[in-house]
Amino acid sequence: MLQKYGLWLLNGLMRVTHLRDTRHHEAGSNQNITQVPDPRQCIPPNGSPNFVLHSGKLWTIKGIIMNYKTERPHAASHPIALWFLKALLLGLGVSALVPGIELIVDPSGKLVQFPEGALQGSPFPDYLIPGFLLTIFIGLLPLAAWFSLWKKPKSAFLSRINPFPKRHWAWTLALVSGLGLTVWILVQMTMVPYFFLQPLMLSWGGAIVLLCLVPSVRAYL
């Protein structure tokens, strides 16, 4: 049984390693890496050799299996803090998008039941511009950050303008979303009367920023 399994490993050796070496070559890798075949991807053979010459080394069946286990790359686990970050971004985007659109539809604020005279002392005559700002920066931006953290799509343009090249640009969007919410509430507190949601939203923005700075989240992204 062991001999048959060893044969199964060795028959697919050149096919598997040729495919991996070709991928490394196409990626422009200059590292001299000894590739070890994946035992699960080999095809059962008809012969029973005990050794194989691969990458200038004489491999035994046991050596192939042991090196595969030690050299096989392991994907980083999804940090728990990243799940919380995604949840905060999704909740923020949904909760801000609805009132933002309502303020655009009805700039008087009656549709959202804002008190009259709440904008006194602010540079805005009505809620039209605040509605657009709320929709774009507190609604759509966090939703875009949530989706990007979920799918991690590729974008040459966003990668080029990302001020943190070592991180995926989705991380930058999440950080900007948290900072944007924090600045939004701080400015709001200087222009309009206090209401109970301000401390909650300020804490929300701070939590997003802190979760972005968690080492496991930064390492994952």
Protein backbone atom coordinates (compact mmCIF):
# COMPACT_ATOMS: atom_id res chain seq x y z
CA MET A 1 0.00 0.00 0.00
CA LEU A 2 2.79 2.43 0.91
CA GLN A 3 4.66 1.54 -2.27
CA LYS A 4 1.57 2.18 -4.39
CA TYR A 5 0.96 5.53 -2.68
CA GLY A 6 4.60 6.51 -3.15
CA LEU A 7 4.31 5.71 -6.81
CA TRP A 8 1.20 7.83 -7.01
CA LEU A 9 3.23 10.76 -5.66
CA LEU A 10 6.17 10.36 -7.96
CA ASN A 11 4.32 9.97 -11.24
CA GLY A 12 2.84 13.47 -11.01
CA LEU A 13 6.07 15.04 -9.76
CA MET A 14 7.33 16.57 -12.99
CA ARG A 15 3.89 17.70 -14.14
CA VAL A 16 3.07 19.49 -10.87
CA THR A 17 6.49 21.05 -10.35
CA HIS A 18 6.70 22.15 -14.00
CA LEU A 19 3.40 23.99 -13.62
CA ARG A 20 4.51 25.69 -10.39
CA ASP A 21 7.95 26.59 -11.71
CA THR A 22 6.32 28.08 -14.82
CA ARG A 23 4.04 30.24 -12.68
CA HIS A 24 7.01 31.49 -10.63
CA HIS A 25 8.90 32.28 -13.83
CA GLU A 26 5.99 34.19 -15.32
CA ALA A 27 5.64 36.19 -12.11
CA GLY A 28 9.26 37.31 -12.47
CA SER A 29 10.47 35.58 -9.34
CA ASN A 30 14.23 35.56 -8.99
CA GLN A 31 14.29 33.39 -5.89
CA ASN A 32 15.89 29.97 -6.15
CA ILE A 33 13.12 27.94 -4.54
CA THR A 34 13.03 24.15 -4.48
CA GLN A 35 9.42 23.28 -5.27
CA VAL A 36 7.99 20.19 -3.61
CA PRO A 37 5.01 18.49 -5.28
CA ASP A 38 1.57 18.44 -3.72
CA PRO A 39 0.89 14.75 -2.91
CA ARG A 40 -2.85 15.24 -3.37
CA GLN A 41 -2.46 16.47 -6.96
CA CYS A 42 -0.43 13.53 -8.29
CA ILE A 43 -1.90 10.79 -10.50
CA PRO A 44 -1.60 7.09 -9.52
CA PRO A 45 1.18 5.49 -11.61
CA ASN A 46 1.81 1.99 -12.87
CA GLY A 47 5.45 1.66 -11.73
CA SER A 48 7.08 1.72 -8.31
CA PRO A 49 10.31 3.81 -8.13
CA ASN A 50 11.66 4.56 -4.67
CA PHE A 51 13.60 7.72 -5.56
CA VAL A 52 13.26 10.67 -7.90
CA LEU A 53 15.71 13.34 -9.01
CA HIS A 54 14.11 16.77 -8.67
CA SER A 55 15.72 20.24 -8.72
CA GLY A 56 19.17 18.66 -8.49
CA LYS A 57 18.27 16.70 -5.36
CA LEU A 58 17.53 13.04 -4.79
CA TRP A 59 14.15 12.79 -3.08
CA THR A 60 12.62 9.85 -1.29
CA ILE A 61 8.90 9.40 -0.80
CA LYS A 62 9.22 10.41 2.86
CA GLY A 63 11.31 13.44 1.92
CA ILE A 64 8.68 14.67 -0.54
CA ILE A 65 5.92 14.37 2.04
CA MET A 66 7.90 16.03 4.86
CA ASN A 67 9.09 18.93 2.69
CA TYR A 68 5.62 19.47 1.33
CA LYS A 69 4.27 19.80 4.85
CA THR A 70 6.98 22.23 5.94
CA GLU A 71 7.23 24.36 2.78
CA ARG A 72 3.56 24.58 1.89
CA PRO A 73 2.38 28.21 2.41
CA HIS A 74 -0.43 28.73 4.88
CA ALA A 75 -3.07 31.42 4.39
CA ALA A 76 -3.40 33.95 7.20
CA SER A 77 -6.49 33.45 9.31
CA HIS A 78 -9.24 36.04 9.20
CA PRO A 79 -8.84 38.28 12.29
CA ILE A 80 -11.84 38.62 14.60
CA ALA A 81 -11.25 42.37 14.72
CA LEU A 82 -11.76 42.51 10.96
CA TRP A 83 -15.22 40.98 11.34
CA PHE A 84 -16.13 43.75 13.80
CA LEU A 85 -14.68 46.35 11.43
CA LYS A 86 -16.80 45.09 8.56
CA ALA A 87 -19.91 45.07 10.74
CA LEU A 88 -19.34 48.67 11.88
CA LEU A 89 -18.78 49.86 8.31
CA LEU A 90 -21.87 48.10 7.01
CA GLY A 91 -24.03 49.40 9.85
CA LEU A 92 -22.71 52.93 9.43
CA GLY A 93 -23.28 53.00 5.68
CA VAL A 94 -26.84 51.69 5.87
CA SER A 95 -27.84 53.92 8.78
CA ALA A 96 -26.45 57.07 7.11
CA LEU A 97 -27.60 56.38 3.57
CA VAL A 98 -31.33 56.50 4.31
CA PRO A 99 -31.45 59.85 6.18
CA GLY A 100 -28.97 61.33 3.73
CA ILE A 101 -31.25 60.59 0.80
CA GLU A 102 -34.25 61.88 2.77
CA LEU A 103 -32.44 65.18 3.39
CA ILE A 104 -31.75 65.50 -0.34
CA VAL A 105 -35.39 64.80 -1.18
CA ASP A 106 -36.66 67.19 1.52
CA PRO A 107 -33.97 69.79 2.40
CA SER A 108 -36.21 71.26 5.11
CA GLY A 109 -35.42 68.28 7.36
CA LYS A 110 -39.08 67.59 8.16
CA LEU A 111 -38.92 64.16 6.55
CA VAL A 112 -36.20 63.20 9.02
CA GLN A 113 -37.99 65.10 11.81
CA PHE A 114 -35.07 67.44 12.47
CA PRO A 115 -36.02 70.35 14.74
CA GLU A 116 -36.53 73.75 13.16
CA GLY A 117 -33.67 76.19 13.57
CA ALA A 118 -31.10 73.41 14.04
CA LEU A 119 -28.93 74.91 11.30
CA GLN A 120 -28.76 78.35 12.88
CA GLY A 121 -25.11 79.34 13.17
CA SER A 122 -24.09 77.00 10.34
CA PRO A 123 -23.15 78.07 6.78
CA PHE A 124 -26.02 76.04 5.29
CA PRO A 125 -29.48 77.53 4.65
CA ASP A 126 -31.07 74.08 4.50
CA TYR A 127 -30.14 70.39 4.64
CA LEU A 128 -29.47 69.88 0.92
CA ILE A 129 -25.66 70.10 1.05
CA PRO A 130 -25.41 68.28 4.41
CA GLY A 131 -27.63 65.59 2.86
CA PHE A 132 -25.24 65.14 -0.06
CA LEU A 133 -22.23 65.04 2.28
CA LEU A 134 -23.94 62.57 4.58
CA THR A 135 -24.93 60.32 1.67
CA ILE A 136 -21.51 60.30 0.01
CA PHE A 137 -18.99 60.34 2.86
CA ILE A 138 -20.91 58.71 5.73
CA GLY A 139 -23.13 56.42 3.65
CA LEU A 140 -21.54 55.36 0.36
CA LEU A 141 -17.89 55.52 1.45
CA PRO A 142 -18.26 53.10 4.39
CA LEU A 143 -20.31 50.77 2.19
CA ALA A 144 -17.56 50.85 -0.44
CA ALA A 145 -15.00 50.13 2.28
CA TRP A 146 -17.08 47.22 3.60
CA PHE A 147 -17.46 45.71 0.14
CA SER A 148 -13.74 46.17 -0.59
CA LEU A 149 -12.73 44.50 2.66
CA TRP A 150 -15.07 41.64 1.84
CA LYS A 151 -14.01 41.05 -1.78
CA LYS A 152 -10.57 42.72 -1.84
CA PRO A 153 -10.91 43.66 -5.53
CA LYS A 154 -7.96 44.83 -7.60
CA SER A 155 -7.76 48.40 -8.88
CA ALA A 156 -4.61 49.80 -10.43
CA PHE A 157 -5.85 53.38 -9.99
CA LEU A 158 -6.75 53.04 -6.31
CA SER A 159 -3.55 51.14 -5.63
CA ARG A 160 -1.55 53.93 -7.25
CA ILE A 161 -3.16 56.73 -5.20
CA ASN A 162 -3.18 54.70 -1.98
CA PRO A 163 -0.97 56.57 0.52
CA PHE A 164 -0.27 53.28 2.31
CA PRO A 165 1.22 51.07 -0.42
CA LYS A 166 1.92 48.20 2.00
CA ARG A 167 -1.82 47.88 2.71
CA HIS A 168 -4.68 47.04 0.41
CA TRP A 169 -6.56 50.18 -0.57
CA ALA A 170 -9.67 48.75 1.13
CA TRP A 171 -7.91 49.28 4.46
CA THR A 172 -7.35 52.93 3.54
CA LEU A 173 -11.03 53.37 2.66
CA ALA A 174 -12.02 51.93 6.03
CA LEU A 175 -9.61 54.23 7.86
CA VAL A 176 -10.84 57.27 5.94
CA SER A 177 -14.44 56.28 6.73
CA GLY A 178 -13.72 56.23 10.46
CA LEU A 179 -11.81 59.50 10.37
CA GLY A 180 -14.51 61.08 8.22
CA LEU A 181 -17.25 60.17 10.67
CA THR A 182 -15.19 61.49 13.59
CA VAL A 183 -14.53 64.82 11.85
CA TRP A 184 -18.17 65.04 10.75
CA ILE A 185 -19.46 64.74 14.32
CA LEU A 186 -16.84 67.10 15.78
CA VAL A 187 -17.71 69.79 13.23
CA GLN A 188 -21.40 69.15 13.74
CA MET A 189 -21.08 69.65 17.49
CA THR A 190 -19.67 73.13 16.92
CA MET A 191 -22.48 74.18 14.55
CA VAL A 192 -25.74 72.61 15.72
CA PRO A 193 -27.28 72.02 19.16
CA TYR A 194 -26.29 68.87 21.03
CA PHE A 195 -28.35 65.71 20.58
CA PHE A 196 -27.94 62.23 22.01
CA LEU A 197 -26.64 60.56 18.82
CA GLN A 198 -23.50 62.68 18.66
CA PRO A 199 -21.53 60.81 21.37
CA LEU A 200 -22.66 57.48 19.92
CA MET A 201 -21.55 58.34 16.38
CA LEU A 202 -18.30 59.84 17.67
CA SER A 203 -17.54 56.56 19.45
CA TRP A 204 -18.52 54.67 16.30
CA GLY A 205 -15.98 56.57 14.23
CA GLY A 206 -13.29 56.11 16.86
CA ALA A 207 -13.98 52.37 17.01
CA ILE A 208 -13.53 52.07 13.23
CA VAL A 209 -10.20 53.87 13.39
CA LEU A 210 -8.98 51.73 16.30
CA LEU A 211 -10.00 48.49 14.57
CA CYS A 212 -8.12 49.57 11.45
CA LEU A 213 -4.99 49.99 13.57
CA VAL A 214 -5.22 46.56 15.22
CA PRO A 215 -1.98 44.71 14.26
CA SER A 216 -3.78 41.57 13.08
CA VAL A 217 -6.00 43.61 10.76
CA ARG A 218 -3.05 45.50 9.34
CA ALA A 219 -1.10 42.30 8.80
CA TYR A 220 -4.05 40.61 7.07
CA LEU A 221 -4.55 43.50 4.66
